[in-house]
Amino acid sequence: MDIVSIGVSLLSGAVGGNLAGNLMKNLSLGTLGNSLVGILGGGIGGQILGALGVAAGGAGGETVDVGALIGSVASGGVGGGVLLAVIGAVKRVLAPSGN
């Protein structure tokens, strides 16, 4: 994975985390929390799919591999959303009840 793919995965992870937080309000960690968890999830998702060859970067050079860019956006966004859902659910289970 090249630096552009990693950056795109991290940025799309932040967007995916915030989107997931807006869709699942009961699991949201706030804007900053959603962004940070999304960035982490985007990085992890991008690395996993990159290692599997799904969102692998191009061979280098001057050209932009559109397929790799789309794969990085997708893996980062999904990774950010999934990690936010997992961490939000764990936080909700571990939070003391209001009773």
PDB file of N, CA and C in Angstrom:
ATOM      1  N   MET A   1       0.843  -1.183   0.000  1.00  0.00           N
ATOM      2  CA  MET A   1       0.000   0.000   0.000  1.00  0.00           C
ATOM      3  C   MET A   1       0.881   1.238   0.000  1.00  0.00           C
ATOM      4  N   ASP A   2       0.534   2.185  -0.832  1.00  0.00           N
ATOM      5  CA  ASP A   2       1.304   3.412  -0.863  1.00  0.00           C
ATOM      6  C   ASP A   2       0.691   4.442   0.077  1.00  0.00           C
ATOM      7  N   ILE A   3       1.356   5.562   0.235  1.00  0.00           N
ATOM      8  CA  ILE A   3       0.943   6.593   1.189  1.00  0.00           C
ATOM      9  C   ILE A   3      -0.396   7.216   0.802  1.00  0.00           C
ATOM     10  N   VAL A   4      -0.671   7.329  -0.475  1.00  0.00           N
ATOM     11  CA  VAL A   4      -1.947   7.897  -0.910  1.00  0.00           C
ATOM     12  C   VAL A   4      -3.098   6.977  -0.513  1.00  0.00           C
ATOM     13  N   SER A   5      -2.941   5.691  -0.717  1.00  0.00           N
ATOM     14  CA  SER A   5      -3.986   4.731  -0.343  1.00  0.00           C
ATOM     15  C   SER A   5      -4.220   4.732   1.161  1.00  0.00           C
ATOM     16  N   ILE A   6      -3.153   4.839   1.927  1.00  0.00           N
ATOM     17  CA  ILE A   6      -3.292   4.881   3.387  1.00  0.00           C
ATOM     18  C   ILE A   6      -4.017   6.155   3.802  1.00  0.00           C
ATOM     19  N   GLY A   7      -3.626   7.276   3.227  1.00  0.00           N
ATOM     20  CA  GLY A   7      -4.299   8.542   3.540  1.00  0.00           C
ATOM     21  C   GLY A   7      -5.771   8.524   3.175  1.00  0.00           C
ATOM     22  N   VAL A   8      -6.085   7.959   2.025  1.00  0.00           N
ATOM     23  CA  VAL A   8      -7.478   7.862   1.594  1.00  0.00           C
ATOM     24  C   VAL A   8      -8.253   6.942   2.531  1.00  0.00           C
ATOM     25  N   SER A   9      -7.650   5.838   2.961  1.00  0.00           N
ATOM     26  CA  SER A   9      -8.307   4.924   3.898  1.00  0.00           C
ATOM     27  C   SER A   9      -8.585   5.614   5.230  1.00  0.00           C
ATOM     28  N   LEU A  10      -7.626   6.383   5.732  1.00  0.00           N
ATOM     29  CA  LEU A  10      -7.816   7.077   6.998  1.00  0.00           C
ATOM     30  C   LEU A  10      -8.898   8.142   6.895  1.00  0.00           C
ATOM     31  N   LEU A  11      -8.873   8.913   5.823  1.00  0.00           N
ATOM     32  CA  LEU A  11      -9.866   9.968   5.632  1.00  0.00           C
ATOM     33  C   LEU A  11     -11.256   9.373   5.439  1.00  0.00           C
ATOM     34  N   SER A  12     -11.371   8.349   4.630  1.00  0.00           N
ATOM     35  CA  SER A  12     -12.679   7.738   4.427  1.00  0.00           C
ATOM     36  C   SER A  12     -13.134   6.992   5.679  1.00  0.00           C
ATOM     37  N   GLY A  13     -12.202   6.533   6.499  1.00  0.00           N
ATOM     38  CA  GLY A  13     -12.554   5.940   7.781  1.00  0.00           C
ATOM     39  C   GLY A  13     -13.198   6.956   8.707  1.00  0.00           C
ATOM     40  N   ALA A  14     -12.656   8.164   8.729  1.00  0.00           N
ATOM     41  CA  ALA A  14     -13.252   9.233   9.543  1.00  0.00           C
ATOM     42  C   ALA A  14     -14.665   9.549   9.056  1.00  0.00           C
ATOM     43  N   VAL A  15     -14.829   9.623   7.759  1.00  0.00           N
ATOM     44  CA  VAL A  15     -16.163   9.878   7.195  1.00  0.00           C
ATOM     45  C   VAL A  15     -17.098   8.716   7.518  1.00  0.00           C
ATOM     46  N   GLY A  16     -16.618   7.489   7.355  1.00  0.00           N
ATOM     47  CA  GLY A  16     -17.425   6.309   7.660  1.00  0.00           C
ATOM     48  C   GLY A  16     -17.812   6.231   9.125  1.00  0.00           C
ATOM     49  N   GLY A  17     -16.897   6.590  10.013  1.00  0.00           N
ATOM     50  CA  GLY A  17     -17.191   6.599  11.441  1.00  0.00           C
ATOM     51  C   GLY A  17     -18.261   7.611  11.794  1.00  0.00           C
ATOM     52  N   ASN A  18     -18.170   8.809  11.213  1.00  0.00           N
ATOM     53  CA  ASN A  18     -19.182   9.830  11.475  1.00  0.00           C
ATOM     54  C   ASN A  18     -20.521   9.481  10.848  1.00  0.00           C
ATOM     55  N   LEU A  19     -20.486   8.893   9.677  1.00  0.00           N
ATOM     56  CA  LEU A  19     -21.731   8.459   9.039  1.00  0.00           C
ATOM     57  C   LEU A  19     -22.413   7.373   9.870  1.00  0.00           C
ATOM     58  N   ALA A  20     -21.627   6.414  10.340  1.00  0.00           N
ATOM     59  CA  ALA A  20     -22.190   5.356  11.184  1.00  0.00           C
ATOM     60  C   ALA A  20     -22.726   5.934  12.493  1.00  0.00           C
ATOM     61  N   GLY A  21     -22.024   6.900  13.057  1.00  0.00           N
ATOM     62  CA  GLY A  21     -22.488   7.542  14.289  1.00  0.00           C
ATOM     63  C   GLY A  21     -23.790   8.289  14.087  1.00  0.00           C
ATOM     64  N   ASN A  22     -23.964   8.897  12.917  1.00  0.00           N
ATOM     65  CA  ASN A  22     -25.209   9.605  12.623  1.00  0.00           C
ATOM     66  C   ASN A  22     -26.358   8.637  12.356  1.00  0.00           C
ATOM     67  N   LEU A  23     -26.053   7.494  11.760  1.00  0.00           N
ATOM     68  CA  LEU A  23     -27.094   6.514  11.471  1.00  0.00           C
ATOM     69  C   LEU A  23     -27.489   5.719  12.707  1.00  0.00           C
ATOM     70  N   MET A  24     -26.539   5.457  13.580  1.00  0.00           N
ATOM     71  CA  MET A  24     -26.799   4.684  14.799  1.00  0.00           C
ATOM     72  C   MET A  24     -26.542   5.579  16.004  1.00  0.00           C
ATOM     73  N   LYS A  25     -27.469   6.473  16.270  1.00  0.00           N
ATOM     74  CA  LYS A  25     -27.276   7.483  17.313  1.00  0.00           C
ATOM     75  C   LYS A  25     -27.027   6.872  18.688  1.00  0.00           C
ATOM     76  N   ASN A  26     -27.586   5.700  18.950  1.00  0.00           N
ATOM     77  CA  ASN A  26     -27.379   5.079  20.259  1.00  0.00           C
ATOM     78  C   ASN A  26     -25.958   4.533  20.431  1.00  0.00           C
ATOM     79  N   LEU A  27     -25.196   4.417  19.365  1.00  0.00           N
ATOM     80  CA  LEU A  27     -23.811   3.937  19.431  1.00  0.00           C
ATOM     81  C   LEU A  27     -22.794   5.050  19.195  1.00  0.00           C
ATOM     82  N   SER A  28     -23.284   6.266  18.928  1.00  0.00           N
ATOM     83  CA  SER A  28     -22.401   7.380  18.602  1.00  0.00           C
ATOM     84  C   SER A  28     -21.509   7.747  19.784  1.00  0.00           C
ATOM     85  N   LEU A  29     -20.294   8.150  19.494  1.00  0.00           N
ATOM     86  CA  LEU A  29     -19.327   8.576  20.495  1.00  0.00           C
ATOM     87  C   LEU A  29     -19.075  10.076  20.428  1.00  0.00           C
ATOM     88  N   GLY A  30     -19.909  10.804  19.718  1.00  0.00           N
ATOM     89  CA  GLY A  30     -19.683  12.223  19.483  1.00  0.00           C
ATOM     90  C   GLY A  30     -18.823  12.401  18.240  1.00  0.00           C
ATOM     91  N   THR A  31     -18.794  13.604  17.733  1.00  0.00           N
ATOM     92  CA  THR A  31     -18.077  13.853  16.479  1.00  0.00           C
ATOM     93  C   THR A  31     -16.593  13.498  16.577  1.00  0.00           C
ATOM     94  N   LEU A  32     -15.937  13.945  17.630  1.00  0.00           N
ATOM     95  CA  LEU A  32     -14.507  13.666  17.772  1.00  0.00           C
ATOM     96  C   LEU A  32     -14.260  12.172  17.974  1.00  0.00           C
ATOM     97  N   GLY A  33     -15.044  11.543  18.832  1.00  0.00           N
ATOM     98  CA  GLY A  33     -14.896  10.108  19.069  1.00  0.00           C
ATOM     99  C   GLY A  33     -15.181   9.294  17.820  1.00  0.00           C
ATOM    100  N   ASN A  34     -16.241   9.672  17.093  1.00  0.00           N
ATOM    101  CA  ASN A  34     -16.563   8.977  15.847  1.00  0.00           C
ATOM    102  C   ASN A  34     -15.420   9.116  14.842  1.00  0.00           C
ATOM    103  N   SER A  35     -14.850  10.309  14.759  1.00  0.00           N
ATOM    104  CA  SER A  35     -13.750  10.545  13.810  1.00  0.00           C
ATOM    105  C   SER A  35     -12.517   9.724  14.176  1.00  0.00           C
ATOM    106  N   LEU A  36     -12.147   9.739  15.456  1.00  0.00           N
ATOM    107  CA  LEU A  36     -10.944   9.010  15.874  1.00  0.00           C
ATOM    108  C   LEU A  36     -11.104   7.502  15.699  1.00  0.00           C
ATOM    109  N   VAL A  37     -12.245   6.974  16.109  1.00  0.00           N
ATOM    110  CA  VAL A  37     -12.484   5.539  15.933  1.00  0.00           C
ATOM    111  C   VAL A  37     -12.561   5.203  14.444  1.00  0.00           C
ATOM    112  N   GLY A  38     -13.180   6.087  13.665  1.00  0.00           N
ATOM    113  CA  GLY A  38     -13.262   5.875  12.222  1.00  0.00           C
ATOM    114  C   GLY A  38     -11.901   5.868  11.552  1.00  0.00           C
ATOM    115  N   ILE A  39     -11.026   6.774  11.967  1.00  0.00           N
ATOM    116  CA  ILE A  39      -9.663   6.802  11.422  1.00  0.00           C
ATOM    117  C   ILE A  39      -8.937   5.499  11.743  1.00  0.00           C
ATOM    118  N   LEU A  40      -9.052   5.060  12.989  1.00  0.00           N
ATOM    119  CA  LEU A  40      -8.415   3.797  13.380  1.00  0.00           C
ATOM    120  C   LEU A  40      -9.005   2.633  12.584  1.00  0.00           C
ATOM    121  N   GLY A  41     -10.323   2.581  12.492  1.00  0.00           N
ATOM    122  CA  GLY A  41     -10.977   1.508  11.730  1.00  0.00           C
ATOM    123  C   GLY A  41     -10.654   1.567  10.253  1.00  0.00           C
ATOM    124  N   GLY A  42     -10.559   2.769   9.704  1.00  0.00           N
ATOM    125  CA  GLY A  42     -10.192   2.912   8.305  1.00  0.00           C
ATOM    126  C   GLY A  42      -8.782   2.424   8.025  1.00  0.00           C
ATOM    127  N   GLY A  43      -7.867   2.730   8.942  1.00  0.00           N
ATOM    128  CA  GLY A  43      -6.494   2.248   8.790  1.00  0.00           C
ATOM    129  C   GLY A  43      -6.409   0.731   8.883  1.00  0.00           C
ATOM    130  N   ILE A  44      -7.132   0.183   9.848  1.00  0.00           N
ATOM    131  CA  ILE A  44      -7.123  -1.276  10.013  1.00  0.00           C
ATOM    132  C   ILE A  44      -7.784  -1.954   8.817  1.00  0.00           C
ATOM    133  N   GLY A  45      -8.956  -1.448   8.418  1.00  0.00           N
ATOM    134  CA  GLY A  45      -9.663  -2.036   7.275  1.00  0.00           C
ATOM    135  C   GLY A  45      -8.856  -1.937   5.994  1.00  0.00           C
ATOM    136  N   GLY A  46      -8.218  -0.794   5.784  1.00  0.00           N
ATOM    137  CA  GLY A  46      -7.390  -0.623   4.594  1.00  0.00           C
ATOM    138  C   GLY A  46      -6.202  -1.561   4.577  1.00  0.00           C
ATOM    139  N   GLN A  47      -5.578  -1.764   5.733  1.00  0.00           N
ATOM    140  CA  GLN A  47      -4.432  -2.664   5.806  1.00  0.00           C
ATOM    141  C   GLN A  47      -4.835  -4.116   5.588  1.00  0.00           C
ATOM    142  N   ILE A  48      -5.965  -4.507   6.192  1.00  0.00           N
ATOM    143  CA  ILE A  48      -6.410  -5.892   6.038  1.00  0.00           C
ATOM    144  C   ILE A  48      -6.758  -6.182   4.585  1.00  0.00           C
ATOM    145  N   LEU A  49      -7.571  -5.328   3.984  1.00  0.00           N
ATOM    146  CA  LEU A  49      -7.956  -5.572   2.595  1.00  0.00           C
ATOM    147  C   LEU A  49      -6.777  -5.394   1.641  1.00  0.00           C
ATOM    148  N   GLY A  50      -5.860  -4.497   1.984  1.00  0.00           N
ATOM    149  CA  GLY A  50      -4.656  -4.343   1.170  1.00  0.00           C
ATOM    150  C   GLY A  50      -3.781  -5.584   1.216  1.00  0.00           C
ATOM    151  N   ALA A  51      -3.687  -6.206   2.407  1.00  0.00           N
ATOM    152  CA  ALA A  51      -2.906  -7.433   2.538  1.00  0.00           C
ATOM    153  C   ALA A  51      -3.553  -8.584   1.778  1.00  0.00           C
ATOM    154  N   LEU A  52      -4.876  -8.549   1.688  1.00  0.00           N
ATOM    155  CA  LEU A  52      -5.585  -9.580   0.932  1.00  0.00           C
ATOM    156  C   LEU A  52      -5.573  -9.309  -0.570  1.00  0.00           C
ATOM    157  N   GLY A  53      -5.097  -8.130  -0.954  1.00  0.00           N
ATOM    158  CA  GLY A  53      -5.033  -7.778  -2.369  1.00  0.00           C
ATOM    159  C   GLY A  53      -6.297  -7.165  -2.914  1.00  0.00           C
ATOM    160  N   VAL A  54      -7.275  -6.900  -2.047  1.00  0.00           N
ATOM    161  CA  VAL A  54      -8.546  -6.333  -2.504  1.00  0.00           C
ATOM    162  C   VAL A  54      -8.392  -4.860  -2.834  1.00  0.00           C
ATOM    163  N   ALA A  55      -7.695  -4.121  -1.981  1.00  0.00           N
ATOM    164  CA  ALA A  55      -7.540  -2.679  -2.185  1.00  0.00           C
ATOM    165  C   ALA A  55      -6.071  -2.323  -2.329  1.00  0.00           C
ATOM    166  N   ALA A  56      -5.340  -3.151  -3.010  1.00  0.00           N
ATOM    167  CA  ALA A  56      -3.904  -2.946  -3.142  1.00  0.00           C
ATOM    168  C   ALA A  56      -3.606  -1.729  -4.000  1.00  0.00           C
ATOM    169  N   GLY A  57      -2.526  -1.050  -3.671  1.00  0.00           N
ATOM    170  CA  GLY A  57      -2.116   0.112  -4.438  1.00  0.00           C
ATOM    171  C   GLY A  57      -1.558  -0.284  -5.788  1.00  0.00           C
ATOM    172  N   GLY A  58      -1.376   0.714  -6.623  1.00  0.00           N
ATOM    173  CA  GLY A  58      -0.852   0.455  -7.955  1.00  0.00           C
ATOM    174  C   GLY A  58       0.628   0.135  -7.917  1.00  0.00           C
ATOM    175  N   ALA A  59       1.192  -0.034  -9.094  1.00  0.00           N
ATOM    176  CA  ALA A  59       2.597  -0.399  -9.199  1.00  0.00           C
ATOM    177  C   ALA A  59       3.516   0.796  -9.015  1.00  0.00           C
ATOM    178  N   GLY A  60       2.966   1.949  -8.688  1.00  0.00           N
ATOM    179  CA  GLY A  60       3.779   3.140  -8.518  1.00  0.00           C
ATOM    180  C   GLY A  60       3.791   3.944  -9.806  1.00  0.00           C
ATOM    181  N   GLY A  61       4.700   4.839  -9.895  1.00  0.00           N
ATOM    182  CA  GLY A  61       4.800   5.646 -11.097  1.00  0.00           C
ATOM    183  C   GLY A  61       3.940   6.894 -11.014  1.00  0.00           C
ATOM    184  N   GLU A  62       3.640   7.460 -12.154  1.00  0.00           N
ATOM    185  CA  GLU A  62       2.951   8.740 -12.231  1.00  0.00           C
ATOM    186  C   GLU A  62       1.439   8.608 -12.305  1.00  0.00           C
ATOM    187  N   THR A  63       0.918   7.443 -12.606  1.00  0.00           N
ATOM    188  CA  THR A  63      -0.513   7.308 -12.819  1.00  0.00           C
ATOM    189  C   THR A  63      -1.244   6.980 -11.521  1.00  0.00           C
ATOM    190  N   VAL A  64      -2.521   7.320 -11.501  1.00  0.00           N
ATOM    191  CA  VAL A  64      -3.381   7.018 -10.364  1.00  0.00           C
ATOM    192  C   VAL A  64      -4.229   5.809 -10.729  1.00  0.00           C
ATOM    193  N   ASP A  65      -4.190   4.798  -9.881  1.00  0.00           N
ATOM    194  CA  ASP A  65      -4.989   3.602 -10.105  1.00  0.00           C
ATOM    195  C   ASP A  65      -6.369   3.847  -9.491  1.00  0.00           C
ATOM    196  N   VAL A  66      -7.354   4.084 -10.337  1.00  0.00           N
ATOM    197  CA  VAL A  66      -8.695   4.417  -9.881  1.00  0.00           C
ATOM    198  C   VAL A  66      -9.310   3.262  -9.106  1.00  0.00           C
ATOM    199  N   GLY A  67      -9.075   2.050  -9.530  1.00  0.00           N
ATOM    200  CA  GLY A  67      -9.600   0.887  -8.826  1.00  0.00           C
ATOM    201  C   GLY A  67      -9.062   0.791  -7.406  1.00  0.00           C
ATOM    202  N   ALA A  68      -7.763   1.037  -7.238  1.00  0.00           N
ATOM    203  CA  ALA A  68      -7.159   1.007  -5.911  1.00  0.00           C
ATOM    204  C   ALA A  68      -7.683   2.140  -5.049  1.00  0.00           C
ATOM    205  N   LEU A  69      -7.915   3.297  -5.654  1.00  0.00           N
ATOM    206  CA  LEU A  69      -8.454   4.440  -4.922  1.00  0.00           C
ATOM    207  C   LEU A  69      -9.872   4.153  -4.432  1.00  0.00           C
ATOM    208  N   ILE A  70     -10.690   3.585  -5.293  1.00  0.00           N
ATOM    209  CA  ILE A  70     -12.059   3.221  -4.906  1.00  0.00           C
ATOM    210  C   ILE A  70     -12.033   2.140  -3.827  1.00  0.00           C
ATOM    211  N   GLY A  71     -11.139   1.186  -3.950  1.00  0.00           N
ATOM    212  CA  GLY A  71     -10.993   0.147  -2.932  1.00  0.00           C
ATOM    213  C   GLY A  71     -10.572   0.721  -1.592  1.00  0.00           C
ATOM    214  N   SER A  72      -9.688   1.716  -1.604  1.00  0.00           N
ATOM    215  CA  SER A  72      -9.261   2.351  -0.365  1.00  0.00           C
ATOM    216  C   SER A  72     -10.397   3.126   0.288  1.00  0.00           C
ATOM    217  N   VAL A  73     -11.187   3.811  -0.523  1.00  0.00           N
ATOM    218  CA  VAL A  73     -12.341   4.543   0.018  1.00  0.00           C
ATOM    219  C   VAL A  73     -13.337   3.569   0.638  1.00  0.00           C
ATOM    220  N   ALA A  74     -13.632   2.502  -0.070  1.00  0.00           N
ATOM    221  CA  ALA A  74     -14.601   1.526   0.420  1.00  0.00           C
ATOM    222  C   ALA A  74     -14.102   0.831   1.681  1.00  0.00           C
ATOM    223  N   SER A  75     -12.861   0.369   1.667  1.00  0.00           N
ATOM    224  CA  SER A  75     -12.345  -0.352   2.834  1.00  0.00           C
ATOM    225  C   SER A  75     -12.203   0.567   4.036  1.00  0.00           C
ATOM    226  N   GLY A  76     -11.798   1.790   3.805  1.00  0.00           N
ATOM    227  CA  GLY A  76     -11.677   2.744   4.907  1.00  0.00           C
ATOM    228  C   GLY A  76     -13.023   3.109   5.498  1.00  0.00           C
ATOM    229  N   GLY A  77     -13.990   3.393   4.648  1.00  0.00           N
ATOM    230  CA  GLY A  77     -15.321   3.745   5.126  1.00  0.00           C
ATOM    231  C   GLY A  77     -15.997   2.616   5.867  1.00  0.00           C
ATOM    232  N   VAL A  78     -15.920   1.430   5.316  1.00  0.00           N
ATOM    233  CA  VAL A  78     -16.534   0.261   5.973  1.00  0.00           C
ATOM    234  C   VAL A  78     -15.796  -0.059   7.266  1.00  0.00           C
ATOM    235  N   GLY A  79     -14.475  -0.032   7.230  1.00  0.00           N
ATOM    236  CA  GLY A  79     -13.696  -0.315   8.443  1.00  0.00           C
ATOM    237  C   GLY A  79     -14.005   0.672   9.556  1.00  0.00           C
ATOM    238  N   GLY A  80     -14.114   1.955   9.204  1.00  0.00           N
ATOM    239  CA  GLY A  80     -14.446   2.968  10.209  1.00  0.00           C
ATOM    240  C   GLY A  80     -15.829   2.770  10.787  1.00  0.00           C
ATOM    241  N   GLY A  81     -16.795   2.467   9.933  1.00  0.00           N
ATOM    242  CA  GLY A  81     -18.162   2.243  10.400  1.00  0.00           C
ATOM    243  C   GLY A  81     -18.285   1.005  11.269  1.00  0.00           C
ATOM    244  N   VAL A  82     -17.621  -0.070  10.873  1.00  0.00           N
ATOM    245  CA  VAL A  82     -17.694  -1.324  11.634  1.00  0.00           C
ATOM    246  C   VAL A  82     -17.033  -1.159  13.001  1.00  0.00           C
ATOM    247  N   LEU A  83     -15.860  -0.551  13.040  1.00  0.00           N
ATOM    248  CA  LEU A  83     -15.184  -0.380  14.328  1.00  0.00           C
ATOM    249  C   LEU A  83     -15.983   0.536  15.241  1.00  0.00           C
ATOM    250  N   LEU A  84     -16.608   1.578  14.696  1.00  0.00           N
ATOM    251  CA  LEU A  84     -17.442   2.449  15.511  1.00  0.00           C
ATOM    252  C   LEU A  84     -18.614   1.669  16.091  1.00  0.00           C
ATOM    253  N   ALA A  85     -19.250   0.830  15.300  1.00  0.00           N
ATOM    254  CA  ALA A  85     -20.377   0.032  15.788  1.00  0.00           C
ATOM    255  C   ALA A  85     -19.931  -0.908  16.898  1.00  0.00           C
ATOM    256  N   VAL A  86     -18.774  -1.540  16.740  1.00  0.00           N
ATOM    257  CA  VAL A  86     -18.277  -2.470  17.757  1.00  0.00           C
ATOM    258  C   VAL A  86     -17.946  -1.726  19.045  1.00  0.00           C
ATOM    259  N   ILE A  87     -17.186  -0.648  18.951  1.00  0.00           N
ATOM    260  CA  ILE A  87     -16.791   0.092  20.151  1.00  0.00           C
ATOM    261  C   ILE A  87     -18.005   0.748  20.804  1.00  0.00           C
ATOM    262  N   GLY A  88     -18.919   1.283  20.008  1.00  0.00           N
ATOM    263  CA  GLY A  88     -20.133   1.874  20.565  1.00  0.00           C
ATOM    264  C   GLY A  88     -20.980   0.855  21.295  1.00  0.00           C
ATOM    265  N   ALA A  89     -21.091  -0.354  20.759  1.00  0.00           N
ATOM    266  CA  ALA A  89     -21.873  -1.409  21.408  1.00  0.00           C
ATOM    267  C   ALA A  89     -21.189  -1.851  22.711  1.00  0.00           C
ATOM    268  N   VAL A  90     -19.880  -1.999  22.700  1.00  0.00           N
ATOM    269  CA  VAL A  90     -19.158  -2.375  23.920  1.00  0.00           C
ATOM    270  C   VAL A  90     -19.316  -1.293  24.977  1.00  0.00           C
ATOM    271  N   LYS A  91     -19.197  -0.041  24.572  1.00  0.00           N
ATOM    272  CA  LYS A  91     -19.360   1.064  25.518  1.00  0.00           C
ATOM    273  C   LYS A  91     -20.758   1.059  26.115  1.00  0.00           C
ATOM    274  N   ARG A  92     -21.743   0.802  25.290  1.00  0.00           N
ATOM    275  CA  ARG A  92     -23.131   0.788  25.752  1.00  0.00           C
ATOM    276  C   ARG A  92     -23.380  -0.360  26.737  1.00  0.00           C
ATOM    277  N   VAL A  93     -22.796  -1.520  26.496  1.00  0.00           N
ATOM    278  CA  VAL A  93     -22.964  -2.668  27.379  1.00  0.00           C
ATOM    279  C   VAL A  93     -22.256  -2.422  28.718  1.00  0.00           C
ATOM    280  N   LEU A  94     -21.085  -1.807  28.672  1.00  0.00           N
ATOM    281  CA  LEU A  94     -20.303  -1.596  29.890  1.00  0.00           C
ATOM    282  C   LEU A  94     -20.729  -0.377  30.695  1.00  0.00           C
ATOM    283  N   ALA A  95     -21.530   0.501  30.106  1.00  0.00           N
ATOM    284  CA  ALA A  95     -21.965   1.716  30.809  1.00  0.00           C
ATOM    285  C   ALA A  95     -22.931   1.340  31.933  1.00  0.00           C
ATOM    286  N   PRO A  96     -22.789   2.015  33.076  1.00  0.00           N
ATOM    287  CA  PRO A  96     -23.725   1.725  34.169  1.00  0.00           C
ATOM    288  C   PRO A  96     -25.139   2.154  33.787  1.00  0.00           C
ATOM    289  N   SER A  97     -26.113   1.359  34.201  1.00  0.00           N
ATOM    290  CA  SER A  97     -27.501   1.692  33.886  1.00  0.00           C
ATOM    291  C   SER A  97     -27.985   2.824  34.776  1.00  0.00           C
ATOM    292  N   GLY A  98     -28.971   3.549  34.306  1.00  0.00           N
ATOM    293  CA  GLY A  98     -29.479   4.706  35.028  1.00  0.00           C
ATOM    294  C   GLY A  98     -30.467   4.355  36.126  1.00  0.00           C
ATOM    295  N   ASN A  99     -30.586   3.093  36.512  1.00  0.00           N
ATOM    296  CA  ASN A  99     -31.567   2.689  37.520  1.00  0.00           C
ATOM    297  C   ASN A  99     -31.039   2.883  38.891  1.00  0.00           C
TER     298      ASN A  99
END
